[in-house]
Amino acid sequence: MQLTIPTLLTLLRIVLIPVLVLVFYLPFEASNQVAVALFILAAATDWLDGWVARRFGMTSSFGAFLDPVADKLMVTVALLLIVQRHPEIGIALSAAIIIGREITISALREWMAALGEAGRVKVARVGKLKTILQMVAIGFLLYGEPLWIIPVLEIGRWLLIIAAVLTIWSMFIYLRSAWPAVRQQS
């Protein structure tokens, strides 16, 4: 296995996860700002590794496997930290929906690939919109305090709830796409 720049960027994202947790719990005044900066850095490496891989032909099967794993790990850990800091039903339920959907769709993709039907479960536009709202919501919730007159925490709550609704919608799109293959296997 050759370590390409995109794969190294993906591995960096995984290495940033324990750093995010450590910073989140460190008792210093700007810990939430540093946590948000780390999360933004991780999101930037997610975009950058895909761009570099496509632009310079550095795609690999290992990178294709590792990239979504790194994304799901970072999002899941960030959501767990947020729920711990803000133990509210709307945030907790939204986090559970998002994490549950990620597990479900990952299992579905694996199963569909085993059936030779991986093409049925492609990313839909609603999934991309969900991801954008989810990432912005996580950044806002990690920050968690007013910024001038902007109610960052409240905006983050609503964005996370909207992302959870889009998560359910996108999951139904995936399941509907996969249903013909599922019915054939039943």
N, C-alpha and C. Protein backbone atom coordinates (compact mmCIF):
# COMPACT_ATOMS: atom_id res chain seq x y z
N MET A 1 0.84 -1.18 0.00
CA MET A 1 0.00 0.00 0.00
C MET A 1 0.89 1.24 0.00
N GLN A 2 0.60 2.13 -0.92
CA GLN A 2 1.35 3.38 -1.02
C GLN A 2 0.56 4.48 -0.32
N LEU A 3 1.25 5.25 0.53
CA LEU A 3 0.61 6.37 1.20
C LEU A 3 0.67 7.60 0.30
N THR A 4 -0.49 7.97 -0.23
CA THR A 4 -0.58 9.13 -1.09
C THR A 4 -0.92 10.36 -0.24
N ILE A 5 -0.83 11.52 -0.84
CA ILE A 5 -1.19 12.75 -0.12
C ILE A 5 -2.65 12.70 0.35
N PRO A 6 -3.60 12.28 -0.49
CA PRO A 6 -4.98 12.19 0.00
C PRO A 6 -5.13 11.23 1.20
N THR A 7 -4.44 10.10 1.14
CA THR A 7 -4.52 9.16 2.25
C THR A 7 -3.90 9.74 3.52
N LEU A 8 -2.79 10.46 3.37
CA LEU A 8 -2.17 11.11 4.53
C LEU A 8 -3.11 12.18 5.12
N LEU A 9 -3.81 12.90 4.27
CA LEU A 9 -4.78 13.89 4.76
C LEU A 9 -5.92 13.21 5.52
N THR A 10 -6.36 12.07 5.02
CA THR A 10 -7.41 11.31 5.70
C THR A 10 -6.90 10.79 7.04
N LEU A 11 -5.68 10.29 7.07
CA LEU A 11 -5.10 9.83 8.34
C LEU A 11 -4.94 10.99 9.32
N LEU A 12 -4.59 12.17 8.82
CA LEU A 12 -4.51 13.35 9.67
C LEU A 12 -5.86 13.62 10.33
N ARG A 13 -6.93 13.47 9.57
CA ARG A 13 -8.27 13.68 10.11
C ARG A 13 -8.54 12.71 11.27
N ILE A 14 -8.10 11.49 11.13
CA ILE A 14 -8.28 10.51 12.21
C ILE A 14 -7.43 10.88 13.42
N VAL A 15 -6.21 11.33 13.19
CA VAL A 15 -5.32 11.74 14.29
C VAL A 15 -5.89 12.95 15.01
N LEU A 16 -6.62 13.81 14.31
CA LEU A 16 -7.20 15.00 14.93
C LEU A 16 -8.32 14.67 15.91
N ILE A 17 -8.90 13.48 15.83
CA ILE A 17 -10.03 13.12 16.70
C ILE A 17 -9.63 13.15 18.18
N PRO A 18 -8.58 12.44 18.61
CA PRO A 18 -8.23 12.53 20.04
C PRO A 18 -7.76 13.93 20.44
N VAL A 19 -7.18 14.65 19.50
CA VAL A 19 -6.77 16.03 19.79
C VAL A 19 -8.00 16.88 20.06
N LEU A 20 -9.05 16.70 19.24
CA LEU A 20 -10.31 17.41 19.46
C LEU A 20 -10.88 17.10 20.84
N VAL A 21 -10.90 15.84 21.21
CA VAL A 21 -11.43 15.45 22.53
C VAL A 21 -10.61 16.09 23.64
N LEU A 22 -9.31 16.03 23.53
CA LEU A 22 -8.43 16.61 24.55
C LEU A 22 -8.68 18.11 24.68
N VAL A 23 -8.69 18.81 23.58
CA VAL A 23 -8.91 20.27 23.59
C VAL A 23 -10.29 20.60 24.16
N PHE A 24 -11.29 19.82 23.78
CA PHE A 24 -12.66 20.04 24.24
C PHE A 24 -12.73 20.04 25.77
N TYR A 25 -11.97 19.16 26.41
CA TYR A 25 -12.03 19.02 27.87
C TYR A 25 -10.99 19.83 28.63
N LEU A 26 -10.02 20.39 27.92
CA LEU A 26 -9.01 21.18 28.62
C LEU A 26 -9.64 22.44 29.21
N PRO A 27 -9.26 22.76 30.45
CA PRO A 27 -9.88 23.92 31.12
C PRO A 27 -9.16 25.23 30.80
N PHE A 28 -9.29 25.70 29.57
CA PHE A 28 -8.77 27.02 29.25
C PHE A 28 -9.84 27.78 28.48
N GLU A 29 -9.77 29.09 28.57
CA GLU A 29 -10.83 29.96 28.09
C GLU A 29 -11.19 29.76 26.61
N ALA A 30 -10.24 29.53 25.78
CA ALA A 30 -10.50 29.44 24.34
C ALA A 30 -10.62 28.00 23.85
N SER A 31 -10.88 27.05 24.73
CA SER A 31 -10.93 25.65 24.30
C SER A 31 -12.01 25.41 23.25
N ASN A 32 -13.16 26.09 23.40
CA ASN A 32 -14.20 25.88 22.38
C ASN A 32 -13.78 26.46 21.03
N GLN A 33 -13.06 27.56 21.02
CA GLN A 33 -12.60 28.13 19.76
C GLN A 33 -11.56 27.23 19.08
N VAL A 34 -10.67 26.66 19.89
CA VAL A 34 -9.67 25.75 19.33
C VAL A 34 -10.35 24.46 18.83
N ALA A 35 -11.36 23.98 19.57
CA ALA A 35 -12.09 22.79 19.14
C ALA A 35 -12.77 23.04 17.79
N VAL A 36 -13.38 24.20 17.63
CA VAL A 36 -14.02 24.53 16.35
C VAL A 36 -12.96 24.61 15.25
N ALA A 37 -11.82 25.22 15.55
CA ALA A 37 -10.75 25.32 14.55
C ALA A 37 -10.27 23.93 14.13
N LEU A 38 -10.14 23.02 15.07
CA LEU A 38 -9.74 21.64 14.74
C LEU A 38 -10.80 20.96 13.88
N PHE A 39 -12.07 21.18 14.21
CA PHE A 39 -13.14 20.58 13.44
C PHE A 39 -13.16 21.14 12.01
N ILE A 40 -12.95 22.45 11.88
CA ILE A 40 -12.89 23.06 10.55
C ILE A 40 -11.69 22.53 9.77
N LEU A 41 -10.55 22.37 10.45
CA LEU A 41 -9.38 21.80 9.80
C LEU A 41 -9.68 20.39 9.29
N ALA A 42 -10.35 19.59 10.11
CA ALA A 42 -10.71 18.24 9.69
C ALA A 42 -11.64 18.28 8.49
N ALA A 43 -12.63 19.18 8.51
CA ALA A 43 -13.56 19.30 7.38
C ALA A 43 -12.80 19.74 6.12
N ALA A 44 -11.85 20.63 6.29
CA ALA A 44 -11.05 21.10 5.14
C ALA A 44 -10.22 19.96 4.56
N THR A 45 -9.64 19.11 5.42
CA THR A 45 -8.86 17.98 4.90
C THR A 45 -9.77 16.99 4.18
N ASP A 46 -11.02 16.89 4.60
CA ASP A 46 -11.97 16.01 3.92
C ASP A 46 -12.19 16.50 2.50
N TRP A 47 -12.42 17.78 2.34
CA TRP A 47 -12.60 18.34 0.99
C TRP A 47 -11.30 18.22 0.19
N LEU A 48 -10.18 18.58 0.82
CA LEU A 48 -8.90 18.63 0.12
C LEU A 48 -8.44 17.25 -0.33
N ASP A 49 -8.62 16.22 0.51
CA ASP A 49 -8.14 14.90 0.09
C ASP A 49 -8.90 14.40 -1.13
N GLY A 50 -10.21 14.67 -1.18
CA GLY A 50 -10.98 14.27 -2.37
C GLY A 50 -10.57 15.04 -3.60
N TRP A 51 -10.35 16.34 -3.44
CA TRP A 51 -9.95 17.16 -4.58
C TRP A 51 -8.59 16.73 -5.12
N VAL A 52 -7.61 16.54 -4.23
CA VAL A 52 -6.27 16.12 -4.65
C VAL A 52 -6.33 14.75 -5.32
N ALA A 53 -7.08 13.83 -4.74
CA ALA A 53 -7.18 12.48 -5.31
C ALA A 53 -7.73 12.51 -6.72
N ARG A 54 -8.80 13.28 -6.93
CA ARG A 54 -9.40 13.36 -8.27
C ARG A 54 -8.53 14.16 -9.23
N ARG A 55 -8.02 15.28 -8.79
CA ARG A 55 -7.27 16.20 -9.64
C ARG A 55 -5.97 15.57 -10.14
N PHE A 56 -5.29 14.84 -9.26
CA PHE A 56 -3.97 14.30 -9.60
C PHE A 56 -3.98 12.78 -9.78
N GLY A 57 -5.15 12.20 -9.88
CA GLY A 57 -5.24 10.76 -10.13
C GLY A 57 -4.64 9.92 -9.01
N MET A 58 -4.83 10.35 -7.78
CA MET A 58 -4.25 9.63 -6.64
C MET A 58 -5.31 8.83 -5.88
N THR A 59 -6.32 8.38 -6.58
CA THR A 59 -7.35 7.59 -5.91
C THR A 59 -6.81 6.20 -5.63
N SER A 60 -7.34 5.59 -4.58
CA SER A 60 -6.96 4.22 -4.23
C SER A 60 -8.13 3.56 -3.53
N SER A 61 -8.16 2.25 -3.57
CA SER A 61 -9.24 1.54 -2.88
C SER A 61 -9.13 1.73 -1.37
N PHE A 62 -7.89 1.81 -0.85
CA PHE A 62 -7.72 2.05 0.58
C PHE A 62 -8.24 3.43 0.95
N GLY A 63 -7.93 4.43 0.14
CA GLY A 63 -8.42 5.79 0.39
C GLY A 63 -9.93 5.87 0.30
N ALA A 64 -10.51 5.16 -0.67
CA ALA A 64 -11.97 5.14 -0.82
C ALA A 64 -12.63 4.50 0.40
N PHE A 65 -11.96 3.53 1.00
CA PHE A 65 -12.47 2.90 2.22
C PHE A 65 -12.29 3.82 3.42
N LEU A 66 -11.08 4.38 3.56
CA LEU A 66 -10.72 5.12 4.77
C LEU A 66 -11.41 6.47 4.88
N ASP A 67 -11.63 7.16 3.77
CA ASP A 67 -12.20 8.50 3.81
C ASP A 67 -13.56 8.56 4.51
N PRO A 68 -14.54 7.74 4.13
CA PRO A 68 -15.82 7.81 4.84
C PRO A 68 -15.73 7.35 6.29
N VAL A 69 -14.80 6.44 6.58
CA VAL A 69 -14.61 6.01 7.97
C VAL A 69 -14.12 7.20 8.80
N ALA A 70 -13.14 7.92 8.28
CA ALA A 70 -12.62 9.09 9.00
C ALA A 70 -13.71 10.13 9.21
N ASP A 71 -14.53 10.36 8.19
CA ASP A 71 -15.63 11.32 8.31
C ASP A 71 -16.60 10.92 9.41
N LYS A 72 -17.01 9.67 9.38
CA LYS A 72 -18.00 9.19 10.34
C LYS A 72 -17.44 9.21 11.76
N LEU A 73 -16.16 8.85 11.91
CA LEU A 73 -15.55 8.90 13.24
C LEU A 73 -15.51 10.33 13.78
N MET A 74 -15.09 11.28 12.95
CA MET A 74 -15.00 12.68 13.40
C MET A 74 -16.37 13.22 13.76
N VAL A 75 -17.36 13.00 12.91
CA VAL A 75 -18.71 13.51 13.17
C VAL A 75 -19.29 12.85 14.42
N THR A 76 -19.14 11.55 14.56
CA THR A 76 -19.68 10.85 15.72
C THR A 76 -19.06 11.35 17.01
N VAL A 77 -17.74 11.47 17.04
CA VAL A 77 -17.07 11.95 18.26
C VAL A 77 -17.50 13.38 18.57
N ALA A 78 -17.56 14.24 17.56
CA ALA A 78 -17.99 15.62 17.78
C ALA A 78 -19.42 15.66 18.33
N LEU A 79 -20.31 14.85 17.77
CA LEU A 79 -21.69 14.82 18.27
C LEU A 79 -21.76 14.32 19.71
N LEU A 80 -20.96 13.32 20.04
CA LEU A 80 -20.94 12.83 21.43
C LEU A 80 -20.46 13.91 22.39
N LEU A 81 -19.45 14.66 21.99
CA LEU A 81 -18.97 15.76 22.83
C LEU A 81 -20.05 16.82 23.01
N ILE A 82 -20.73 17.14 21.94
CA ILE A 82 -21.80 18.16 21.99
C ILE A 82 -22.94 17.71 22.90
N VAL A 83 -23.36 16.45 22.76
CA VAL A 83 -24.43 15.93 23.61
C VAL A 83 -24.00 15.97 25.08
N GLN A 84 -22.75 15.67 25.34
CA GLN A 84 -22.26 15.72 26.72
C GLN A 84 -22.30 17.14 27.27
N ARG A 85 -21.95 18.11 26.44
CA ARG A 85 -21.95 19.51 26.90
C ARG A 85 -23.35 20.09 26.95
N HIS A 86 -24.22 19.67 26.04
CA HIS A 86 -25.58 20.20 25.95
C HIS A 86 -26.58 19.04 25.99
N PRO A 87 -26.79 18.43 27.16
CA PRO A 87 -27.66 17.25 27.24
C PRO A 87 -29.14 17.64 27.15
N GLU A 88 -29.55 17.95 25.93
CA GLU A 88 -30.93 18.36 25.67
C GLU A 88 -31.55 17.38 24.69
N ILE A 89 -32.85 17.18 24.79
CA ILE A 89 -33.51 16.18 23.97
C ILE A 89 -33.36 16.44 22.47
N GLY A 90 -33.48 17.69 22.03
CA GLY A 90 -33.37 17.99 20.60
C GLY A 90 -31.99 17.66 20.06
N ILE A 91 -30.96 18.02 20.80
CA ILE A 91 -29.59 17.73 20.38
C ILE A 91 -29.30 16.24 20.46
N ALA A 92 -29.71 15.60 21.56
CA ALA A 92 -29.44 14.17 21.74
C ALA A 92 -30.18 13.34 20.69
N LEU A 93 -31.43 13.66 20.44
CA LEU A 93 -32.21 12.91 19.46
C LEU A 93 -31.65 13.12 18.05
N SER A 94 -31.29 14.34 17.72
CA SER A 94 -30.70 14.62 16.41
C SER A 94 -29.38 13.86 16.24
N ALA A 95 -28.55 13.87 17.28
CA ALA A 95 -27.28 13.14 17.22
C ALA A 95 -27.52 11.65 17.04
N ALA A 96 -28.49 11.10 17.77
CA ALA A 96 -28.80 9.67 17.65
C ALA A 96 -29.28 9.33 16.24
N ILE A 97 -30.10 10.19 15.66
CA ILE A 97 -30.60 9.97 14.29
C ILE A 97 -29.43 9.99 13.31
N ILE A 98 -28.57 10.98 13.43
CA ILE A 98 -27.45 11.11 12.49
C ILE A 98 -26.49 9.93 12.61
N ILE A 99 -26.13 9.56 13.84
CA ILE A 99 -25.21 8.43 14.05
C ILE A 99 -25.87 7.12 13.60
N GLY A 100 -27.14 6.94 13.95
CA GLY A 100 -27.85 5.72 13.55
C GLY A 100 -27.95 5.57 12.04
N ARG A 101 -28.20 6.68 11.36
CA ARG A 101 -28.28 6.65 9.90
C ARG A 101 -26.93 6.29 9.31
N GLU A 102 -25.85 6.84 9.85
CA GLU A 102 -24.52 6.54 9.32
C GLU A 102 -24.21 5.05 9.44
N ILE A 103 -24.55 4.46 10.57
CA ILE A 103 -24.33 3.02 10.75
C ILE A 103 -25.18 2.22 9.78
N THR A 104 -26.46 2.60 9.67
CA THR A 104 -27.38 1.88 8.79
C THR A 104 -26.95 1.96 7.33
N ILE A 105 -26.62 3.15 6.87
CA ILE A 105 -26.25 3.31 5.45
C ILE A 105 -24.90 2.65 5.17
N SER A 106 -23.97 2.69 6.13
CA SER A 106 -22.70 1.99 5.94
C SER A 106 -22.93 0.50 5.77
N ALA A 107 -23.79 -0.06 6.61
CA ALA A 107 -24.10 -1.49 6.51
C ALA A 107 -24.81 -1.79 5.19
N LEU A 108 -25.73 -0.91 4.79
CA LEU A 108 -26.44 -1.09 3.52
C LEU A 108 -25.47 -1.06 2.35
N ARG A 109 -24.55 -0.09 2.35
CA ARG A 109 -23.58 -0.01 1.26
C ARG A 109 -22.72 -1.27 1.19
N GLU A 110 -22.31 -1.76 2.35
CA GLU A 110 -21.49 -2.97 2.38
C GLU A 110 -22.27 -4.16 1.83
N TRP A 111 -23.52 -4.28 2.26
CA TRP A 111 -24.35 -5.38 1.79
C TRP A 111 -24.59 -5.26 0.29
N MET A 112 -24.91 -4.05 -0.18
CA MET A 112 -25.16 -3.86 -1.61
C MET A 112 -23.90 -4.15 -2.43
N ALA A 113 -22.74 -3.80 -1.90
CA ALA A 113 -21.49 -4.10 -2.61
C ALA A 113 -21.29 -5.61 -2.70
N ALA A 114 -21.62 -6.32 -1.62
CA ALA A 114 -21.50 -7.78 -1.63
C ALA A 114 -22.45 -8.41 -2.66
N LEU A 115 -23.57 -7.75 -2.91
CA LEU A 115 -24.54 -8.24 -3.89
C LEU A 115 -24.19 -7.80 -5.31
N GLY A 116 -23.14 -6.99 -5.43
CA GLY A 116 -22.78 -6.45 -6.74
C GLY A 116 -23.69 -5.31 -7.18
N GLU A 117 -24.34 -4.67 -6.23
CA GLU A 117 -25.31 -3.62 -6.51
C GLU A 117 -24.90 -2.29 -5.89
N ALA A 118 -23.61 -2.06 -5.71
CA ALA A 118 -23.13 -0.84 -5.03
C ALA A 118 -23.60 0.43 -5.71
N GLY A 119 -23.82 0.39 -7.01
CA GLY A 119 -24.26 1.56 -7.75
C GLY A 119 -25.64 2.06 -7.36
N ARG A 120 -26.41 1.23 -6.69
CA ARG A 120 -27.76 1.64 -6.27
C ARG A 120 -27.75 2.63 -5.12
N VAL A 121 -26.68 2.68 -4.34
CA VAL A 121 -26.67 3.53 -3.13
C VAL A 121 -25.63 4.65 -3.28
N LYS A 122 -25.89 5.53 -4.22
CA LYS A 122 -25.02 6.68 -4.45
C LYS A 122 -25.51 7.86 -3.63
N VAL A 123 -24.60 8.79 -3.38
CA VAL A 123 -24.93 9.99 -2.62
C VAL A 123 -25.92 10.84 -3.40
N ALA A 124 -27.00 11.23 -2.74
CA ALA A 124 -28.02 12.08 -3.35
C ALA A 124 -27.78 13.54 -2.94
N ARG A 125 -28.41 14.46 -3.66
CA ARG A 125 -28.26 15.89 -3.34
C ARG A 125 -28.69 16.20 -1.92
N VAL A 126 -29.78 15.57 -1.48
CA VAL A 126 -30.26 15.84 -0.13
C VAL A 126 -29.20 15.40 0.89
N GLY A 127 -28.45 14.36 0.58
CA GLY A 127 -27.37 13.91 1.46
C GLY A 127 -26.25 14.93 1.54
N LYS A 128 -25.96 15.57 0.42
CA LYS A 128 -24.92 16.61 0.42
C LYS A 128 -25.37 17.83 1.22
N LEU A 129 -26.63 18.22 1.06
CA LEU A 129 -27.17 19.34 1.83
C LEU A 129 -27.16 19.00 3.32
N LYS A 130 -27.55 17.77 3.65
CA LYS A 130 -27.53 17.31 5.04
C LYS A 130 -26.13 17.43 5.62
N THR A 131 -25.15 17.02 4.85
CA THR A 131 -23.77 17.07 5.33
C THR A 131 -23.32 18.50 5.59
N ILE A 132 -23.65 19.41 4.70
CA ILE A 132 -23.27 20.81 4.89
C ILE A 132 -23.91 21.37 6.16
N LEU A 133 -25.23 21.18 6.30
CA LEU A 133 -25.91 21.70 7.50
C LEU A 133 -25.38 21.04 8.77
N GLN A 134 -25.12 19.76 8.69
CA GLN A 134 -24.60 19.02 9.84
C GLN A 134 -23.24 19.57 10.27
N MET A 135 -22.36 19.81 9.31
CA MET A 135 -21.02 20.31 9.64
C MET A 135 -21.08 21.72 10.23
N VAL A 136 -21.92 22.58 9.66
CA VAL A 136 -22.07 23.93 10.20
C VAL A 136 -22.67 23.86 11.60
N ALA A 137 -23.69 23.02 11.79
CA ALA A 137 -24.31 22.86 13.10
C ALA A 137 -23.29 22.39 14.13
N ILE A 138 -22.48 21.42 13.78
CA ILE A 138 -21.47 20.91 14.72
C ILE A 138 -20.49 22.02 15.08
N GLY A 139 -20.05 22.79 14.10
CA GLY A 139 -19.15 23.91 14.41
C GLY A 139 -19.79 24.89 15.37
N PHE A 140 -21.05 25.26 15.10
CA PHE A 140 -21.75 26.20 15.98
C PHE A 140 -21.90 25.62 17.39
N LEU A 141 -22.26 24.34 17.47
CA LEU A 141 -22.49 23.72 18.78
C LEU A 141 -21.19 23.50 19.55
N LEU A 142 -20.10 23.22 18.86
CA LEU A 142 -18.82 23.14 19.54
C LEU A 142 -18.43 24.49 20.10
N TYR A 143 -18.71 25.55 19.36
CA TYR A 143 -18.42 26.91 19.85
C TYR A 143 -19.34 27.23 21.02
N GLY A 144 -20.63 27.11 20.81
CA GLY A 144 -21.61 27.10 21.88
C GLY A 144 -21.89 28.36 22.67
N GLU A 145 -21.35 29.48 22.31
CA GLU A 145 -21.66 30.70 23.07
C GLU A 145 -21.93 31.84 22.09
N PRO A 146 -22.61 32.88 22.56
CA PRO A 146 -22.95 33.98 21.64
C PRO A 146 -21.70 34.61 21.04
N LEU A 147 -21.83 35.00 19.79
CA LEU A 147 -20.76 35.70 19.09
C LEU A 147 -21.33 37.06 18.72
N TRP A 148 -20.92 38.07 19.46
CA TRP A 148 -21.52 39.40 19.39
C TRP A 148 -23.01 39.24 19.71
N ILE A 149 -23.88 39.52 18.75
CA ILE A 149 -25.32 39.36 19.03
C ILE A 149 -25.89 38.09 18.39
N ILE A 150 -25.03 37.29 17.79
CA ILE A 150 -25.47 36.07 17.10
C ILE A 150 -25.65 34.95 18.12
N PRO A 151 -26.86 34.38 18.22
CA PRO A 151 -27.11 33.28 19.16
C PRO A 151 -26.60 31.95 18.59
N VAL A 152 -25.30 31.75 18.64
CA VAL A 152 -24.64 30.62 18.00
C VAL A 152 -25.22 29.28 18.45
N LEU A 153 -25.42 29.11 19.75
CA LEU A 153 -25.93 27.84 20.26
C LEU A 153 -27.33 27.56 19.72
N GLU A 154 -28.20 28.55 19.73
CA GLU A 154 -29.57 28.36 19.23
C GLU A 154 -29.58 28.05 17.73
N ILE A 155 -28.76 28.75 16.97
CA ILE A 155 -28.67 28.47 15.53
C ILE A 155 -28.15 27.05 15.31
N GLY A 156 -27.14 26.67 16.08
CA GLY A 156 -26.59 25.31 15.98
C GLY A 156 -27.62 24.25 16.28
N ARG A 157 -28.43 24.48 17.32
CA ARG A 157 -29.50 23.53 17.67
C ARG A 157 -30.44 23.32 16.47
N TRP A 158 -30.93 24.43 15.90
CA TRP A 158 -31.89 24.32 14.80
C TRP A 158 -31.27 23.71 13.55
N LEU A 159 -30.02 24.07 13.28
CA LEU A 159 -29.35 23.47 12.12
C LEU A 159 -29.19 21.97 12.30
N LEU A 160 -28.89 21.53 13.54
CA LEU A 160 -28.73 20.10 13.80
C LEU A 160 -30.06 19.38 13.65
N ILE A 161 -31.13 19.99 14.12
CA ILE A 161 -32.46 19.38 13.97
C ILE A 161 -32.83 19.28 12.50
N ILE A 162 -32.59 20.34 11.74
CA ILE A 162 -32.86 20.31 10.29
C ILE A 162 -32.00 19.23 9.62
N ALA A 163 -30.73 19.15 10.02
CA ALA A 163 -29.85 18.11 9.46
C ALA A 163 -30.38 16.72 9.80
N ALA A 164 -30.94 16.54 10.99
CA ALA A 164 -31.50 15.24 11.37
C ALA A 164 -32.71 14.89 10.51
N VAL A 165 -33.55 15.89 10.22
CA VAL A 165 -34.71 15.65 9.34
C VAL A 165 -34.22 15.26 7.94
N LEU A 166 -33.23 16.00 7.42
CA LEU A 166 -32.66 15.66 6.11
C LEU A 166 -31.98 14.29 6.14
N THR A 167 -31.43 13.93 7.29
CA THR A 167 -30.80 12.62 7.46
C THR A 167 -31.82 11.51 7.26
N ILE A 168 -32.99 11.68 7.87
CA ILE A 168 -34.05 10.68 7.71
C ILE A 168 -34.49 10.63 6.25
N TRP A 169 -34.67 11.79 5.65
CA TRP A 169 -35.09 11.86 4.24
C TRP A 169 -34.08 11.16 3.35
N SER A 170 -32.78 11.47 3.55
CA SER A 170 -31.76 10.84 2.70
C SER A 170 -31.68 9.34 2.94
N MET A 171 -31.93 8.90 4.17
CA MET A 171 -31.90 7.46 4.45
C MET A 171 -33.02 6.77 3.68
N PHE A 172 -34.20 7.38 3.62
CA PHE A 172 -35.30 6.79 2.85
C PHE A 172 -34.96 6.74 1.36
N ILE A 173 -34.26 7.75 0.86
CA ILE A 173 -33.84 7.73 -0.54
C ILE A 173 -32.91 6.55 -0.80
N TYR A 174 -31.93 6.34 0.10
CA TYR A 174 -31.03 5.20 -0.04
C TYR A 174 -31.79 3.88 0.03
N LEU A 175 -32.67 3.76 1.00
CA LEU A 175 -33.40 2.51 1.18
C LEU A 175 -34.32 2.24 -0.02
N ARG A 176 -34.95 3.29 -0.55
CA ARG A 176 -35.81 3.12 -1.73
C ARG A 176 -34.99 2.67 -2.94
N SER A 177 -33.78 3.24 -3.08
CA SER A 177 -32.91 2.84 -4.19
C SER A 177 -32.47 1.39 -4.07
N ALA A 178 -32.25 0.96 -2.85
CA ALA A 178 -31.75 -0.39 -2.62
C ALA A 178 -32.87 -1.43 -2.58
N TRP A 179 -34.11 -0.98 -2.42
CA TRP A 179 -35.23 -1.91 -2.20
C TRP A 179 -35.36 -3.00 -3.25
N PRO A 180 -35.23 -2.72 -4.55
CA PRO A 180 -35.36 -3.83 -5.52
C PRO A 180 -34.35 -4.96 -5.28
N ALA A 181 -33.12 -4.61 -4.96
CA ALA A 181 -32.11 -5.64 -4.68
C ALA A 181 -32.41 -6.37 -3.37
N VAL A 182 -32.92 -5.63 -2.39
CA VAL A 182 -33.28 -6.23 -1.10
C VAL A 182 -34.42 -7.25 -1.31
N ARG A 183 -35.41 -6.86 -2.10
CA ARG A 183 -36.55 -7.76 -2.35
C ARG A 183 -36.09 -9.04 -3.05
N GLN A 184 -35.14 -8.93 -3.96
CA GLN A 184 -34.66 -10.11 -4.67
C GLN A 184 -33.96 -11.07 -3.71
N GLN A 185 -33.35 -10.55 -2.65
CA GLN A 185 -32.62 -11.40 -1.71
C GLN A 185 -33.52 -12.00 -0.63
N SER A 186 -34.73 -11.48 -0.52
CA SER A 186 -35.65 -11.97 0.54
C SER A 186 -36.25 -13.29 0.20
